[in-house]
Amino acid sequence: LGSNFEIDGRMLVSYEDAFCKFAKSVE
């Protein structure tokens, strides 16, 4: 995200894709 945690025109990815990467990081 941007410096104030805004989306600022960035495209969202699917929740499942994001959760999958997040879970991999937490592991």
PDB file of all heavy atoms in Angstrom:
ATOM      1  N   LEU A   1       0.825  -1.203   0.000  1.00  0.00           N
ATOM      2  CA  LEU A   1       0.000   0.000   0.000  1.00  0.00           C
ATOM      3  C   LEU A   1       0.862   1.257   0.000  1.00  0.00           C
ATOM      4  O   LEU A   1       2.077   1.197   0.151  1.00  0.00           O
ATOM      5  CB  LEU A   1      -0.925  -0.004   1.223  1.00  0.00           C
ATOM      6  CG  LEU A   1      -1.988  -1.108   1.266  1.00  0.00           C
ATOM      7  CD1 LEU A   1      -2.820  -0.973   2.527  1.00  0.00           C
ATOM      8  CD2 LEU A   1      -2.876  -1.063   0.028  1.00  0.00           C
ATOM      9  N   GLY A   2       0.186   2.414  -0.137  1.00  0.00           N
ATOM     10  CA  GLY A   2       0.879   3.689  -0.106  1.00  0.00           C
ATOM     11  C   GLY A   2       1.335   4.043   1.303  1.00  0.00           C
ATOM     12  O   GLY A   2       1.047   3.333   2.274  1.00  0.00           O
ATOM     13  N   SER A   3       2.011   5.164   1.438  1.00  0.00           N
ATOM     14  CA  SER A   3       2.639   5.533   2.716  1.00  0.00           C
ATOM     15  C   SER A   3       1.636   5.757   3.839  1.00  0.00           C
ATOM     16  O   SER A   3       1.986   5.649   5.015  1.00  0.00           O
ATOM     17  CB  SER A   3       3.498   6.791   2.531  1.00  0.00           C
ATOM     18  OG  SER A   3       2.710   7.866   2.044  1.00  0.00           O
ATOM     19  N   ASN A   4       0.373   6.074   3.496  1.00  0.00           N
ATOM     20  CA  ASN A   4      -0.680   6.210   4.515  1.00  0.00           C
ATOM     21  C   ASN A   4      -1.637   5.021   4.483  1.00  0.00           C
ATOM     22  O   ASN A   4      -2.796   5.126   4.877  1.00  0.00           O
ATOM     23  CB  ASN A   4      -1.452   7.511   4.299  1.00  0.00           C
ATOM     24  CG  ASN A   4      -0.610   8.731   4.643  1.00  0.00           C
ATOM     25  OD1 ASN A   4       0.082   8.747   5.655  1.00  0.00           O
ATOM     26  ND2 ASN A   4      -0.651   9.740   3.781  1.00  0.00           N
ATOM     27  N   PHE A   5      -1.142   3.896   3.976  1.00  0.00           N
ATOM     28  CA  PHE A   5      -1.904   2.645   3.907  1.00  0.00           C
ATOM     29  C   PHE A   5      -3.152   2.777   3.029  1.00  0.00           C
ATOM     30  O   PHE A   5      -4.173   2.138   3.274  1.00  0.00           O
ATOM     31  CB  PHE A   5      -2.282   2.153   5.314  1.00  0.00           C
ATOM     32  CG  PHE A   5      -1.080   1.846   6.165  1.00  0.00           C
ATOM     33  CD1 PHE A   5      -0.543   2.808   7.011  1.00  0.00           C
ATOM     34  CD2 PHE A   5      -0.481   0.600   6.095  1.00  0.00           C
ATOM     35  CE1 PHE A   5       0.570   2.536   7.775  1.00  0.00           C
ATOM     36  CE2 PHE A   5       0.643   0.314   6.859  1.00  0.00           C
ATOM     37  CZ  PHE A   5       1.169   1.278   7.706  1.00  0.00           C
ATOM     38  N   GLU A   6      -3.053   3.605   1.995  1.00  0.00           N
ATOM     39  CA  GLU A   6      -4.164   3.754   1.065  1.00  0.00           C
ATOM     40  C   GLU A   6      -3.935   2.866  -0.159  1.00  0.00           C
ATOM     41  O   GLU A   6      -2.798   2.525  -0.489  1.00  0.00           O
ATOM     42  CB  GLU A   6      -4.320   5.222   0.616  1.00  0.00           C
ATOM     43  CG  GLU A   6      -3.236   5.738  -0.318  1.00  0.00           C
ATOM     44  CD  GLU A   6      -1.955   6.167   0.396  1.00  0.00           C
ATOM     45  OE1 GLU A   6      -1.913   6.091   1.636  1.00  0.00           O
ATOM     46  OE2 GLU A   6      -0.994   6.569  -0.293  1.00  0.00           O
ATOM     47  N   ILE A   7      -5.039   2.488  -0.831  1.00  0.00           N
ATOM     48  CA  ILE A   7      -4.924   1.673  -2.049  1.00  0.00           C
ATOM     49  C   ILE A   7      -4.314   2.498  -3.171  1.00  0.00           C
ATOM     50  O   ILE A   7      -3.445   2.026  -3.919  1.00  0.00           O
ATOM     51  CB  ILE A   7      -6.303   1.124  -2.469  1.00  0.00           C
ATOM     52  CG1 ILE A   7      -6.839   0.173  -1.388  1.00  0.00           C
ATOM     53  CG2 ILE A   7      -6.209   0.384  -3.802  1.00  0.00           C
ATOM     54  CD1 ILE A   7      -8.229  -0.375  -1.663  1.00  0.00           C
ATOM     55  N   ASP A   8      -4.793   3.760  -3.313  1.00  0.00           N
ATOM     56  CA  ASP A   8      -4.173   4.707  -4.243  1.00  0.00           C
ATOM     57  C   ASP A   8      -4.015   4.141  -5.650  1.00  0.00           C
ATOM     58  O   ASP A   8      -2.942   4.181  -6.244  1.00  0.00           O
ATOM     59  CB  ASP A   8      -2.817   5.140  -3.687  1.00  0.00           C
ATOM     60  CG  ASP A   8      -2.292   6.411  -4.363  1.00  0.00           C
ATOM     61  OD1 ASP A   8      -3.128   7.185  -4.867  1.00  0.00           O
ATOM     62  OD2 ASP A   8      -1.069   6.608  -4.383  1.00  0.00           O
ATOM     63  N   GLY A   9      -5.116   3.611  -6.207  1.00  0.00           N
ATOM     64  CA  GLY A   9      -5.118   3.125  -7.582  1.00  0.00           C
ATOM     65  C   GLY A   9      -4.569   1.726  -7.770  1.00  0.00           C
ATOM     66  O   GLY A   9      -4.598   1.191  -8.890  1.00  0.00           O
ATOM     67  N   ARG A  10      -4.065   1.099  -6.717  1.00  0.00           N
ATOM     68  CA  ARG A  10      -3.536  -0.256  -6.835  1.00  0.00           C
ATOM     69  C   ARG A  10      -4.691  -1.240  -6.993  1.00  0.00           C
ATOM     70  O   ARG A  10      -5.741  -1.098  -6.373  1.00  0.00           O
ATOM     71  CB  ARG A  10      -2.696  -0.605  -5.602  1.00  0.00           C
ATOM     72  CG  ARG A  10      -1.429   0.226  -5.476  1.00  0.00           C
ATOM     73  CD  ARG A  10      -0.827   0.091  -4.077  1.00  0.00           C
ATOM     74  NE  ARG A  10       0.451   0.779  -3.955  1.00  0.00           N
ATOM     75  CZ  ARG A  10       0.591   2.080  -3.734  1.00  0.00           C
ATOM     76  NH1 ARG A  10      -0.496   2.831  -3.605  1.00  0.00           N
ATOM     77  NH2 ARG A  10       1.781   2.634  -3.634  1.00  0.00           N
ATOM     78  N   MET A  11      -4.470  -2.258  -7.804  1.00  0.00           N
ATOM     79  CA  MET A  11      -5.519  -3.249  -8.052  1.00  0.00           C
ATOM     80  C   MET A  11      -5.516  -4.304  -6.956  1.00  0.00           C
ATOM     81  O   MET A  11      -4.466  -4.829  -6.577  1.00  0.00           O
ATOM     82  CB  MET A  11      -5.300  -3.909  -9.415  1.00  0.00           C
ATOM     83  CG  MET A  11      -6.436  -4.833  -9.833  1.00  0.00           C
ATOM     84  SD  MET A  11      -6.201  -5.496 -11.499  1.00  0.00           S
ATOM     85  CE  MET A  11      -6.324  -3.981 -12.456  1.00  0.00           C
ATOM     86  N   LEU A  12      -6.706  -4.626  -6.432  1.00  0.00           N
ATOM     87  CA  LEU A  12      -6.822  -5.681  -5.433  1.00  0.00           C
ATOM     88  C   LEU A  12      -6.616  -7.053  -6.070  1.00  0.00           C
ATOM     89  O   LEU A  12      -7.024  -7.280  -7.212  1.00  0.00           O
ATOM     90  CB  LEU A  12      -8.200  -5.638  -4.782  1.00  0.00           C
ATOM     91  CG  LEU A  12      -8.549  -4.422  -3.930  1.00  0.00           C
ATOM     92  CD1 LEU A  12      -9.997  -4.537  -3.450  1.00  0.00           C
ATOM     93  CD2 LEU A  12      -7.618  -4.309  -2.741  1.00  0.00           C
ATOM     94  N   VAL A  13      -5.996  -7.951  -5.333  1.00  0.00           N
ATOM     95  CA  VAL A  13      -5.919  -9.349  -5.753  1.00  0.00           C
ATOM     96  C   VAL A  13      -7.013 -10.106  -5.011  1.00  0.00           C
ATOM     97  O   VAL A  13      -7.619  -9.588  -4.066  1.00  0.00           O
ATOM     98  CB  VAL A  13      -4.526  -9.954  -5.450  1.00  0.00           C
ATOM     99  CG1 VAL A  13      -3.444  -9.160  -6.167  1.00  0.00           C
ATOM    100  CG2 VAL A  13      -4.246  -9.990  -3.955  1.00  0.00           C
ATOM    101  N   SER A  14      -7.292 -11.338  -5.412  1.00  0.00           N
ATOM    102  CA  SER A  14      -8.352 -12.101  -4.753  1.00  0.00           C
ATOM    103  C   SER A  14      -7.974 -12.371  -3.299  1.00  0.00           C
ATOM    104  O   SER A  14      -6.785 -12.481  -2.955  1.00  0.00           O
ATOM    105  CB  SER A  14      -8.591 -13.422  -5.480  1.00  0.00           C
ATOM    106  OG  SER A  14      -7.566 -14.351  -5.177  1.00  0.00           O
ATOM    107  N   TYR A  15      -8.983 -12.494  -2.472  1.00  0.00           N
ATOM    108  CA  TYR A  15      -8.720 -12.739  -1.049  1.00  0.00           C
ATOM    109  C   TYR A  15      -7.951 -14.049  -0.867  1.00  0.00           C
ATOM    110  O   TYR A  15      -7.005 -14.111  -0.076  1.00  0.00           O
ATOM    111  CB  TYR A  15     -10.028 -12.793  -0.265  1.00  0.00           C
ATOM    112  CG  TYR A  15      -9.782 -12.932   1.215  1.00  0.00           C
ATOM    113  CD1 TYR A  15      -9.647 -11.808   2.028  1.00  0.00           C
ATOM    114  CD2 TYR A  15      -9.640 -14.189   1.810  1.00  0.00           C
ATOM    115  CE1 TYR A  15      -9.381 -11.925   3.385  1.00  0.00           C
ATOM    116  CE2 TYR A  15      -9.375 -14.315   3.160  1.00  0.00           C
ATOM    117  CZ  TYR A  15      -9.246 -13.177   3.940  1.00  0.00           C
ATOM    118  OH  TYR A  15      -8.960 -13.308   5.274  1.00  0.00           O
ATOM    119  N   GLU A  16      -8.344 -15.083  -1.590  1.00  0.00           N
ATOM    120  CA  GLU A  16      -7.694 -16.389  -1.415  1.00  0.00           C
ATOM    121  C   GLU A  16      -6.226 -16.342  -1.830  1.00  0.00           C
ATOM    122  O   GLU A  16      -5.383 -16.975  -1.193  1.00  0.00           O
ATOM    123  CB  GLU A  16      -8.443 -17.469  -2.193  1.00  0.00           C
ATOM    124  CG  GLU A  16      -9.765 -17.851  -1.562  1.00  0.00           C
ATOM    125  CD  GLU A  16      -9.616 -18.281  -0.108  1.00  0.00           C
ATOM    126  OE1 GLU A  16      -8.712 -19.085   0.193  1.00  0.00           O
ATOM    127  OE2 GLU A  16     -10.401 -17.806   0.733  1.00  0.00           O
ATOM    128  N   ASP A  17      -5.925 -15.631  -2.901  1.00  0.00           N
ATOM    129  CA  ASP A  17      -4.513 -15.497  -3.309  1.00  0.00           C
ATOM    130  C   ASP A  17      -3.715 -14.780  -2.218  1.00  0.00           C
ATOM    131  O   ASP A  17      -2.587 -15.184  -1.891  1.00  0.00           O
ATOM    132  CB  ASP A  17      -4.409 -14.720  -4.620  1.00  0.00           C
ATOM    133  CG  ASP A  17      -4.805 -15.548  -5.828  1.00  0.00           C
ATOM    134  OD1 ASP A  17      -4.922 -16.785  -5.682  1.00  0.00           O
ATOM    135  OD2 ASP A  17      -4.995 -14.964  -6.909  1.00  0.00           O
ATOM    136  N   ALA A  18      -4.309 -13.718  -1.668  1.00  0.00           N
ATOM    137  CA  ALA A  18      -3.624 -12.968  -0.618  1.00  0.00           C
ATOM    138  C   ALA A  18      -3.468 -13.829   0.637  1.00  0.00           C
ATOM    139  O   ALA A  18      -2.396 -13.852   1.254  1.00  0.00           O
ATOM    140  CB  ALA A  18      -4.394 -11.691  -0.296  1.00  0.00           C
ATOM    141  N   PHE A  19      -4.523 -14.542   1.018  1.00  0.00           N
ATOM    142  CA  PHE A  19      -4.458 -15.365   2.228  1.00  0.00           C
ATOM    143  C   PHE A  19      -3.427 -16.480   2.080  1.00  0.00           C
ATOM    144  O   PHE A  19      -2.717 -16.810   3.037  1.00  0.00           O
ATOM    145  CB  PHE A  19      -5.832 -15.960   2.548  1.00  0.00           C
ATOM    146  CG  PHE A  19      -5.875 -16.653   3.879  1.00  0.00           C
ATOM    147  CD1 PHE A  19      -6.172 -15.941   5.031  1.00  0.00           C
ATOM    148  CD2 PHE A  19      -5.609 -18.014   3.979  1.00  0.00           C
ATOM    149  CE1 PHE A  19      -6.194 -16.578   6.276  1.00  0.00           C
ATOM    150  CE2 PHE A  19      -5.630 -18.650   5.214  1.00  0.00           C
ATOM    151  CZ  PHE A  19      -5.919 -17.930   6.362  1.00  0.00           C
ATOM    152  N   CYS A  20      -3.346 -17.050   0.907  1.00  0.00           N
ATOM    153  CA  CYS A  20      -2.377 -18.116   0.646  1.00  0.00           C
ATOM    154  C   CYS A  20      -0.948 -17.614   0.859  1.00  0.00           C
ATOM    155  O   CYS A  20      -0.135 -18.266   1.522  1.00  0.00           O
ATOM    156  CB  CYS A  20      -2.563 -18.647  -0.774  1.00  0.00           C
ATOM    157  SG  CYS A  20      -1.434 -19.999  -1.184  1.00  0.00           S
ATOM    158  N   LYS A  21      -0.637 -16.459   0.314  1.00  0.00           N
ATOM    159  CA  LYS A  21       0.700 -15.874   0.492  1.00  0.00           C
ATOM    160  C   LYS A  21       0.940 -15.500   1.947  1.00  0.00           C
ATOM    161  O   LYS A  21       2.048 -15.694   2.485  1.00  0.00           O
ATOM    162  CB  LYS A  21       0.857 -14.646  -0.401  1.00  0.00           C
ATOM    163  CG  LYS A  21       0.942 -14.939  -1.892  1.00  0.00           C
ATOM    164  CD  LYS A  21       2.273 -15.587  -2.250  1.00  0.00           C
ATOM    165  CE  LYS A  21       2.432 -15.695  -3.765  1.00  0.00           C
ATOM    166  NZ  LYS A  21       3.721 -16.303  -4.152  1.00  0.00           N
ATOM    167  N   PHE A  22      -0.088 -14.968   2.594  1.00  0.00           N
ATOM    168  CA  PHE A  22       0.035 -14.576   3.991  1.00  0.00           C
ATOM    169  C   PHE A  22       0.316 -15.799   4.866  1.00  0.00           C
ATOM    170  O   PHE A  22       1.198 -15.778   5.738  1.00  0.00           O
ATOM    171  CB  PHE A  22      -1.236 -13.867   4.440  1.00  0.00           C
ATOM    172  CG  PHE A  22      -1.242 -13.454   5.882  1.00  0.00           C
ATOM    173  CD1 PHE A  22      -0.230 -12.664   6.403  1.00  0.00           C
ATOM    174  CD2 PHE A  22      -2.262 -13.863   6.718  1.00  0.00           C
ATOM    175  CE1 PHE A  22      -0.227 -12.286   7.736  1.00  0.00           C
ATOM    176  CE2 PHE A  22      -2.280 -13.488   8.053  1.00  0.00           C
ATOM    177  CZ  PHE A  22      -1.254 -12.704   8.558  1.00  0.00           C
ATOM    178  N   ALA A  23      -0.440 -16.869   4.643  1.00  0.00           N
ATOM    179  CA  ALA A  23      -0.239 -18.094   5.415  1.00  0.00           C
ATOM    180  C   ALA A  23       1.170 -18.655   5.199  1.00  0.00           C
ATOM    181  O   ALA A  23       1.803 -19.147   6.144  1.00  0.00           O
ATOM    182  CB  ALA A  23      -1.287 -19.134   5.026  1.00  0.00           C
ATOM    183  N   LYS A  24       1.653 -18.572   3.993  1.00  0.00           N
ATOM    184  CA  LYS A  24       3.008 -19.037   3.697  1.00  0.00           C
ATOM    185  C   LYS A  24       4.039 -18.221   4.471  1.00  0.00           C
ATOM    186  O   LYS A  24       5.012 -18.759   5.012  1.00  0.00           O
ATOM    187  CB  LYS A  24       3.259 -18.922   2.186  1.00  0.00           C
ATOM    188  CG  LYS A  24       4.563 -19.535   1.710  1.00  0.00           C
ATOM    189  CD  LYS A  24       4.660 -19.478   0.192  1.00  0.00           C
ATOM    190  CE  LYS A  24       5.980 -20.101  -0.285  1.00  0.00           C
ATOM    191  NZ  LYS A  24       6.085 -20.046  -1.770  1.00  0.00           N
ATOM    192  N   SER A  25       3.807 -16.920   4.554  1.00  0.00           N
ATOM    193  CA  SER A  25       4.710 -16.041   5.311  1.00  0.00           C
ATOM    194  C   SER A  25       4.674 -16.369   6.791  1.00  0.00           C
ATOM    195  O   SER A  25       5.719 -16.464   7.450  1.00  0.00           O
ATOM    196  CB  SER A  25       4.327 -14.572   5.096  1.00  0.00           C
ATOM    197  OG  SER A  25       4.422 -14.196   3.743  1.00  0.00           O
ATOM    198  N   VAL A  26       3.457 -16.534   7.335  1.00  0.00           N
ATOM    199  CA  VAL A  26       3.323 -16.808   8.768  1.00  0.00           C
ATOM    200  C   VAL A  26       3.955 -18.148   9.124  1.00  0.00           C
ATOM    201  O   VAL A  26       4.578 -18.295  10.188  1.00  0.00           O
ATOM    202  CB  VAL A  26       1.839 -16.776   9.195  1.00  0.00           C
ATOM    203  CG1 VAL A  26       1.687 -17.206  10.656  1.00  0.00           C
ATOM    204  CG2 VAL A  26       1.266 -15.380   9.003  1.00  0.00           C
ATOM    205  N   GLU A  27       3.832 -19.125   8.243  1.00  0.00           N
ATOM    206  CA  GLU A  27       4.451 -20.427   8.488  1.00  0.00           C
ATOM    207  C   GLU A  27       5.966 -20.282   8.673  1.00  0.00           C
ATOM    208  O   GLU A  27       6.556 -20.862   9.590  1.00  0.00           O
ATOM    209  CB  GLU A  27       4.147 -21.369   7.323  1.00  0.00           C
ATOM    210  CG  GLU A  27       4.655 -22.785   7.544  1.00  0.00           C
ATOM    211  CD  GLU A  27       4.226 -23.720   6.424  1.00  0.00           C
ATOM    212  OE1 GLU A  27       3.640 -23.248   5.435  1.00  0.00           O
ATOM    213  OE2 GLU A  27       4.482 -24.929   6.551  1.00  0.00           O
TER     214      GLU A  27
END
